[in-house]
Amino acid sequence: MIGSLYTVVIDCPDPVELAGFYEKLLSLSRRKETGDFVVLQNAAGDPVVALQRVDGYQGPRWMDSARPQHMHFDVMVANLDTAEAQVLALGATLLEGSDKPIGYRVYEDPVGHPFCLVTPEGTGL
Protein backbone atom coordinates (compact mmCIF):
# COMPACT_ATOMS: atom_id res chain seq x y z
CA MET A 1 0.00 0.00 0.00
CA ILE A 2 1.30 3.44 -0.90
CA GLY A 3 -1.18 5.41 1.17
CA SER A 4 -4.83 5.93 1.98
CA LEU A 5 -7.38 8.49 0.92
CA TYR A 6 -7.31 11.46 3.28
CA THR A 7 -9.73 13.94 1.70
CA VAL A 8 -11.09 15.15 -1.62
CA VAL A 9 -10.29 18.80 -2.41
CA ILE A 10 -12.68 20.75 -4.62
CA ASP A 11 -11.71 24.01 -6.36
CA CYS A 12 -14.39 26.71 -6.28
CA PRO A 13 -14.88 30.50 -6.29
CA ASP A 14 -16.15 30.74 -2.66
CA PRO A 15 -15.39 27.81 -0.34
CA VAL A 16 -17.36 29.18 2.60
CA GLU A 17 -20.53 29.41 0.52
CA LEU A 18 -20.10 26.04 -1.24
CA ALA A 19 -19.33 24.31 2.07
CA GLY A 20 -22.96 24.77 3.13
CA PHE A 21 -24.12 22.77 0.12
CA TYR A 22 -21.79 19.83 0.84
CA GLU A 23 -22.49 19.91 4.58
CA LYS A 24 -26.15 19.22 3.86
CA LEU A 25 -25.65 16.89 0.89
CA LEU A 26 -23.16 14.59 2.66
CA SER A 27 -24.11 15.09 6.35
CA LEU A 28 -20.77 16.72 7.17
CA SER A 29 -19.73 19.51 9.54
CA ARG A 30 -17.02 22.17 9.40
CA ARG A 31 -13.71 21.22 10.91
CA LYS A 32 -11.67 24.23 9.73
CA GLU A 33 -12.46 27.46 7.90
CA THR A 34 -10.04 30.17 6.79
CA GLY A 35 -12.08 31.97 4.13
CA ASP A 36 -9.95 30.56 1.30
CA PHE A 37 -10.11 26.98 2.53
CA VAL A 38 -12.79 24.94 4.34
CA VAL A 39 -12.43 21.38 5.61
CA LEU A 40 -15.56 19.29 6.21
CA GLN A 41 -15.55 16.26 8.48
CA ASN A 42 -17.75 13.22 8.99
CA ALA A 43 -19.39 12.21 12.29
CA ALA A 44 -16.19 10.44 13.39
CA GLY A 45 -14.23 13.69 12.98
CA ASP A 46 -12.31 12.53 9.91
CA PRO A 47 -11.73 15.15 7.20
CA VAL A 48 -13.65 14.08 4.10
CA VAL A 49 -14.02 17.06 1.75
CA ALA A 50 -12.03 20.28 1.50
CA LEU A 51 -12.95 23.29 -0.59
CA GLN A 52 -10.35 25.78 -1.80
CA ARG A 53 -10.72 29.19 -3.40
CA VAL A 54 -9.39 29.49 -6.94
CA ASP A 55 -9.30 32.95 -8.47
CA GLY A 56 -10.80 33.01 -11.96
CA TYR A 57 -12.50 29.66 -11.33
CA GLN A 58 -14.27 28.16 -14.34
CA GLY A 59 -16.38 25.16 -13.49
CA PRO A 60 -16.82 22.08 -15.62
CA ARG A 61 -19.67 21.90 -18.09
CA TRP A 62 -21.77 18.78 -18.41
CA MET A 63 -21.06 16.97 -21.68
CA ASP A 64 -18.53 19.62 -22.84
CA SER A 65 -15.09 18.21 -23.63
CA ALA A 66 -13.59 21.71 -23.55
CA ARG A 67 -14.43 21.90 -19.81
CA PRO A 68 -14.78 18.27 -18.62
CA GLN A 69 -16.02 17.18 -15.22
CA HIS A 70 -12.66 15.69 -14.00
CA MET A 71 -14.36 13.83 -11.11
CA HIS A 72 -17.72 13.54 -9.40
CA PHE A 73 -19.35 12.23 -6.24
CA ASP A 74 -21.82 9.34 -6.19
CA VAL A 75 -24.12 9.93 -3.22
CA MET A 76 -26.08 6.87 -2.02
CA VAL A 77 -29.74 7.65 -1.24
CA ALA A 78 -32.76 5.59 -0.25
CA ASN A 79 -35.22 7.30 -2.61
CA LEU A 80 -34.30 9.28 -5.73
CA ASP A 81 -37.44 11.42 -5.80
CA THR A 82 -37.12 12.46 -2.15
CA ALA A 83 -33.38 13.13 -2.45
CA GLU A 84 -33.89 15.07 -5.68
CA ALA A 85 -36.30 17.48 -4.01
CA GLN A 86 -33.79 17.99 -1.19
CA VAL A 87 -30.75 18.68 -3.40
CA LEU A 88 -32.74 21.01 -5.66
CA ALA A 89 -33.78 22.97 -2.55
CA LEU A 90 -30.07 23.27 -1.63
CA GLY A 91 -29.29 24.84 -5.00
CA ALA A 92 -28.36 21.84 -7.14
CA THR A 93 -29.49 21.60 -10.75
CA LEU A 94 -30.67 18.46 -12.55
CA LEU A 95 -28.47 18.25 -15.64
CA GLU A 96 -29.89 18.19 -19.12
CA GLY A 97 -29.48 14.76 -20.61
CA SER A 98 -29.99 13.08 -17.25
CA ASP A 99 -32.95 10.97 -18.27
CA LYS A 100 -33.81 10.05 -14.67
CA PRO A 101 -33.17 6.31 -15.03
CA ILE A 102 -33.88 4.00 -12.17
CA GLY A 103 -30.82 3.88 -9.95
CA TYR A 104 -29.17 7.25 -10.57
CA ARG A 105 -29.62 10.88 -11.63
CA VAL A 106 -26.98 13.49 -12.48
CA TYR A 107 -26.89 17.01 -10.99
CA GLU A 108 -24.45 19.85 -10.52
CA ASP A 109 -23.67 21.72 -7.33
CA PRO A 110 -24.18 25.51 -7.15
CA VAL A 111 -20.85 26.20 -8.94
CA GLY A 112 -21.03 23.49 -11.60
CA HIS A 113 -19.40 20.33 -10.16
CA PRO A 114 -21.37 17.27 -11.27
CA PHE A 115 -22.56 14.64 -8.80
CA CYS A 116 -24.94 11.69 -8.95
CA LEU A 117 -27.62 10.51 -6.60
CA VAL A 118 -27.57 6.72 -6.72
CA THR A 119 -29.51 3.84 -5.25
CA PRO A 120 -28.06 0.32 -4.82
CA GLU A 121 -29.49 -0.82 -8.17
CA GLY A 122 -27.68 2.05 -9.91
CA THR A 123 -24.17 1.26 -8.68
CA GLY A 124 -23.46 -1.70 -10.93
CA LEU A 125 -21.70 -3.41 -8.00
C-alpha atoms as a PDB file:
ATOM      1  CA  MET A   1       0.000   0.000   0.000  1.00  0.00           C
ATOM      2  CA  ILE A   2       1.298   3.441  -0.900  1.00  0.00           C
ATOM      3  CA  GLY A   3      -1.184   5.407   1.175  1.00  0.00           C
ATOM      4  CA  SER A   4      -4.830   5.926   1.985  1.00  0.00           C
ATOM      5  CA  LEU A   5      -7.382   8.490   0.919  1.00  0.00           C
ATOM      6  CA  TYR A   6      -7.305  11.463   3.280  1.00  0.00           C
ATOM      7  CA  THR A   7      -9.729  13.938   1.703  1.00  0.00           C
ATOM      8  CA  VAL A   8     -11.086  15.146  -1.625  1.00  0.00           C
ATOM      9  CA  VAL A   9     -10.289  18.803  -2.408  1.00  0.00           C
ATOM     10  CA  ILE A  10     -12.676  20.748  -4.621  1.00  0.00           C
ATOM     11  CA  ASP A  11     -11.715  24.013  -6.356  1.00  0.00           C
ATOM     12  CA  CYS A  12     -14.386  26.713  -6.283  1.00  0.00           C
ATOM     13  CA  PRO A  13     -14.880  30.497  -6.286  1.00  0.00           C
ATOM     14  CA  ASP A  14     -16.151  30.742  -2.664  1.00  0.00           C
ATOM     15  CA  PRO A  15     -15.389  27.810  -0.343  1.00  0.00           C
ATOM     16  CA  VAL A  16     -17.360  29.182   2.601  1.00  0.00           C
ATOM     17  CA  GLU A  17     -20.527  29.409   0.519  1.00  0.00           C
ATOM     18  CA  LEU A  18     -20.103  26.044  -1.240  1.00  0.00           C
ATOM     19  CA  ALA A  19     -19.326  24.306   2.071  1.00  0.00           C
ATOM     20  CA  GLY A  20     -22.957  24.767   3.135  1.00  0.00           C
ATOM     21  CA  PHE A  21     -24.116  22.771   0.119  1.00  0.00           C
ATOM     22  CA  TYR A  22     -21.786  19.835   0.836  1.00  0.00           C
ATOM     23  CA  GLU A  23     -22.490  19.910   4.577  1.00  0.00           C
ATOM     24  CA  LYS A  24     -26.151  19.224   3.865  1.00  0.00           C
ATOM     25  CA  LEU A  25     -25.647  16.893   0.890  1.00  0.00           C
ATOM     26  CA  LEU A  26     -23.159  14.593   2.657  1.00  0.00           C
ATOM     27  CA  SER A  27     -24.111  15.091   6.349  1.00  0.00           C
ATOM     28  CA  LEU A  28     -20.771  16.722   7.173  1.00  0.00           C
ATOM     29  CA  SER A  29     -19.731  19.508   9.541  1.00  0.00           C
ATOM     30  CA  ARG A  30     -17.023  22.167   9.397  1.00  0.00           C
ATOM     31  CA  ARG A  31     -13.710  21.222  10.906  1.00  0.00           C
ATOM     32  CA  LYS A  32     -11.665  24.227   9.733  1.00  0.00           C
ATOM     33  CA  GLU A  33     -12.458  27.455   7.902  1.00  0.00           C
ATOM     34  CA  THR A  34     -10.036  30.169   6.789  1.00  0.00           C
ATOM     35  CA  GLY A  35     -12.078  31.968   4.131  1.00  0.00           C
ATOM     36  CA  ASP A  36      -9.953  30.562   1.300  1.00  0.00           C
ATOM     37  CA  PHE A  37     -10.113  26.979   2.533  1.00  0.00           C
ATOM     38  CA  VAL A  38     -12.793  24.940   4.336  1.00  0.00           C
ATOM     39  CA  VAL A  39     -12.428  21.377   5.608  1.00  0.00           C
ATOM     40  CA  LEU A  40     -15.557  19.294   6.205  1.00  0.00           C
ATOM     41  CA  GLN A  41     -15.546  16.265   8.484  1.00  0.00           C
ATOM     42  CA  ASN A  42     -17.747  13.222   8.990  1.00  0.00           C
ATOM     43  CA  ALA A  43     -19.393  12.214  12.288  1.00  0.00           C
ATOM     44  CA  ALA A  44     -16.189  10.436  13.386  1.00  0.00           C
ATOM     45  CA  GLY A  45     -14.230  13.688  12.978  1.00  0.00           C
ATOM     46  CA  ASP A  46     -12.310  12.527   9.910  1.00  0.00           C
ATOM     47  CA  PRO A  47     -11.729  15.149   7.200  1.00  0.00           C
ATOM     48  CA  VAL A  48     -13.653  14.083   4.103  1.00  0.00           C
ATOM     49  CA  VAL A  49     -14.019  17.057   1.751  1.00  0.00           C
ATOM     50  CA  ALA A  50     -12.028  20.278   1.501  1.00  0.00           C
ATOM     51  CA  LEU A  51     -12.948  23.288  -0.590  1.00  0.00           C
ATOM     52  CA  GLN A  52     -10.354  25.777  -1.800  1.00  0.00           C
ATOM     53  CA  ARG A  53     -10.718  29.194  -3.399  1.00  0.00           C
ATOM     54  CA  VAL A  54      -9.388  29.486  -6.943  1.00  0.00           C
ATOM     55  CA  ASP A  55      -9.297  32.953  -8.474  1.00  0.00           C
ATOM     56  CA  GLY A  56     -10.796  33.014 -11.963  1.00  0.00           C
ATOM     57  CA  TYR A  57     -12.499  29.656 -11.335  1.00  0.00           C
ATOM     58  CA  GLN A  58     -14.274  28.163 -14.344  1.00  0.00           C
ATOM     59  CA  GLY A  59     -16.384  25.164 -13.486  1.00  0.00           C
ATOM     60  CA  PRO A  60     -16.816  22.081 -15.617  1.00  0.00           C
ATOM     61  CA  ARG A  61     -19.673  21.898 -18.093  1.00  0.00           C
ATOM     62  CA  TRP A  62     -21.766  18.776 -18.410  1.00  0.00           C
ATOM     63  CA  MET A  63     -21.065  16.973 -21.677  1.00  0.00           C
ATOM     64  CA  ASP A  64     -18.534  19.624 -22.843  1.00  0.00           C
ATOM     65  CA  SER A  65     -15.093  18.205 -23.635  1.00  0.00           C
ATOM     66  CA  ALA A  66     -13.594  21.711 -23.548  1.00  0.00           C
ATOM     67  CA  ARG A  67     -14.429  21.896 -19.813  1.00  0.00           C
ATOM     68  CA  PRO A  68     -14.783  18.274 -18.617  1.00  0.00           C
ATOM     69  CA  GLN A  69     -16.021  17.176 -15.216  1.00  0.00           C
ATOM     70  CA  HIS A  70     -12.662  15.692 -14.002  1.00  0.00           C
ATOM     71  CA  MET A  71     -14.362  13.831 -11.114  1.00  0.00           C
ATOM     72  CA  HIS A  72     -17.719  13.538  -9.403  1.00  0.00           C
ATOM     73  CA  PHE A  73     -19.354  12.232  -6.240  1.00  0.00           C
ATOM     74  CA  ASP A  74     -21.818   9.342  -6.190  1.00  0.00           C
ATOM     75  CA  VAL A  75     -24.121   9.926  -3.221  1.00  0.00           C
ATOM     76  CA  MET A  76     -26.076   6.872  -2.018  1.00  0.00           C
ATOM     77  CA  VAL A  77     -29.737   7.645  -1.244  1.00  0.00           C
ATOM     78  CA  ALA A  78     -32.760   5.587  -0.254  1.00  0.00           C
ATOM     79  CA  ASN A  79     -35.225   7.303  -2.605  1.00  0.00           C
ATOM     80  CA  LEU A  80     -34.296   9.280  -5.732  1.00  0.00           C
ATOM     81  CA  ASP A  81     -37.442  11.422  -5.796  1.00  0.00           C
ATOM     82  CA  THR A  82     -37.119  12.456  -2.148  1.00  0.00           C
ATOM     83  CA  ALA A  83     -33.381  13.135  -2.447  1.00  0.00           C
ATOM     84  CA  GLU A  84     -33.885  15.073  -5.681  1.00  0.00           C
ATOM     85  CA  ALA A  85     -36.299  17.477  -4.011  1.00  0.00           C
ATOM     86  CA  GLN A  86     -33.791  17.988  -1.194  1.00  0.00           C
ATOM     87  CA  VAL A  87     -30.749  18.683  -3.405  1.00  0.00           C
ATOM     88  CA  LEU A  88     -32.736  21.009  -5.658  1.00  0.00           C
ATOM     89  CA  ALA A  89     -33.784  22.966  -2.552  1.00  0.00           C
ATOM     90  CA  LEU A  90     -30.074  23.266  -1.635  1.00  0.00           C
ATOM     91  CA  GLY A  91     -29.292  24.844  -5.002  1.00  0.00           C
ATOM     92  CA  ALA A  92     -28.359  21.836  -7.141  1.00  0.00           C
ATOM     93  CA  THR A  93     -29.492  21.596 -10.754  1.00  0.00           C
ATOM     94  CA  LEU A  94     -30.671  18.457 -12.550  1.00  0.00           C
ATOM     95  CA  LEU A  95     -28.466  18.251 -15.636  1.00  0.00           C
ATOM     96  CA  GLU A  96     -29.888  18.192 -19.117  1.00  0.00           C
ATOM     97  CA  GLY A  97     -29.482  14.757 -20.613  1.00  0.00           C
ATOM     98  CA  SER A  98     -29.986  13.084 -17.248  1.00  0.00           C
ATOM     99  CA  ASP A  99     -32.954  10.974 -18.272  1.00  0.00           C
ATOM    100  CA  LYS A 100     -33.806  10.045 -14.667  1.00  0.00           C
ATOM    101  CA  PRO A 101     -33.174   6.315 -15.033  1.00  0.00           C
ATOM    102  CA  ILE A 102     -33.885   3.996 -12.170  1.00  0.00           C
ATOM    103  CA  GLY A 103     -30.816   3.877  -9.954  1.00  0.00           C
ATOM    104  CA  TYR A 104     -29.171   7.250 -10.570  1.00  0.00           C
ATOM    105  CA  ARG A 105     -29.620  10.876 -11.630  1.00  0.00           C
ATOM    106  CA  VAL A 106     -26.984  13.494 -12.481  1.00  0.00           C
ATOM    107  CA  TYR A 107     -26.886  17.010 -10.991  1.00  0.00           C
ATOM    108  CA  GLU A 108     -24.450  19.851 -10.520  1.00  0.00           C
ATOM    109  CA  ASP A 109     -23.665  21.719  -7.332  1.00  0.00           C
ATOM    110  CA  PRO A 110     -24.176  25.508  -7.154  1.00  0.00           C
ATOM    111  CA  VAL A 111     -20.854  26.202  -8.935  1.00  0.00           C
ATOM    112  CA  GLY A 112     -21.029  23.487 -11.601  1.00  0.00           C
ATOM    113  CA  HIS A 113     -19.398  20.330 -10.163  1.00  0.00           C
ATOM    114  CA  PRO A 114     -21.373  17.268 -11.271  1.00  0.00           C
ATOM    115  CA  PHE A 115     -22.565  14.644  -8.796  1.00  0.00           C
ATOM    116  CA  CYS A 116     -24.936  11.690  -8.952  1.00  0.00           C
ATOM    117  CA  LEU A 117     -27.624  10.514  -6.604  1.00  0.00           C
ATOM    118  CA  VAL A 118     -27.566   6.722  -6.724  1.00  0.00           C
ATOM    119  CA  THR A 119     -29.510   3.841  -5.249  1.00  0.00           C
ATOM    120  CA  PRO A 120     -28.063   0.321  -4.819  1.00  0.00           C
ATOM    121  CA  GLU A 121     -29.492  -0.818  -8.171  1.00  0.00           C
ATOM    122  CA  GLY A 122     -27.680   2.049  -9.909  1.00  0.00           C
ATOM    123  CA  THR A 123     -24.165   1.257  -8.683  1.00  0.00           C
ATOM    124  CA  GLY A 124     -23.457  -1.700 -10.926  1.00  0.00           C
ATOM    125  CA  LEU A 125     -21.702  -3.408  -7.998  1.00  0.00           C
END
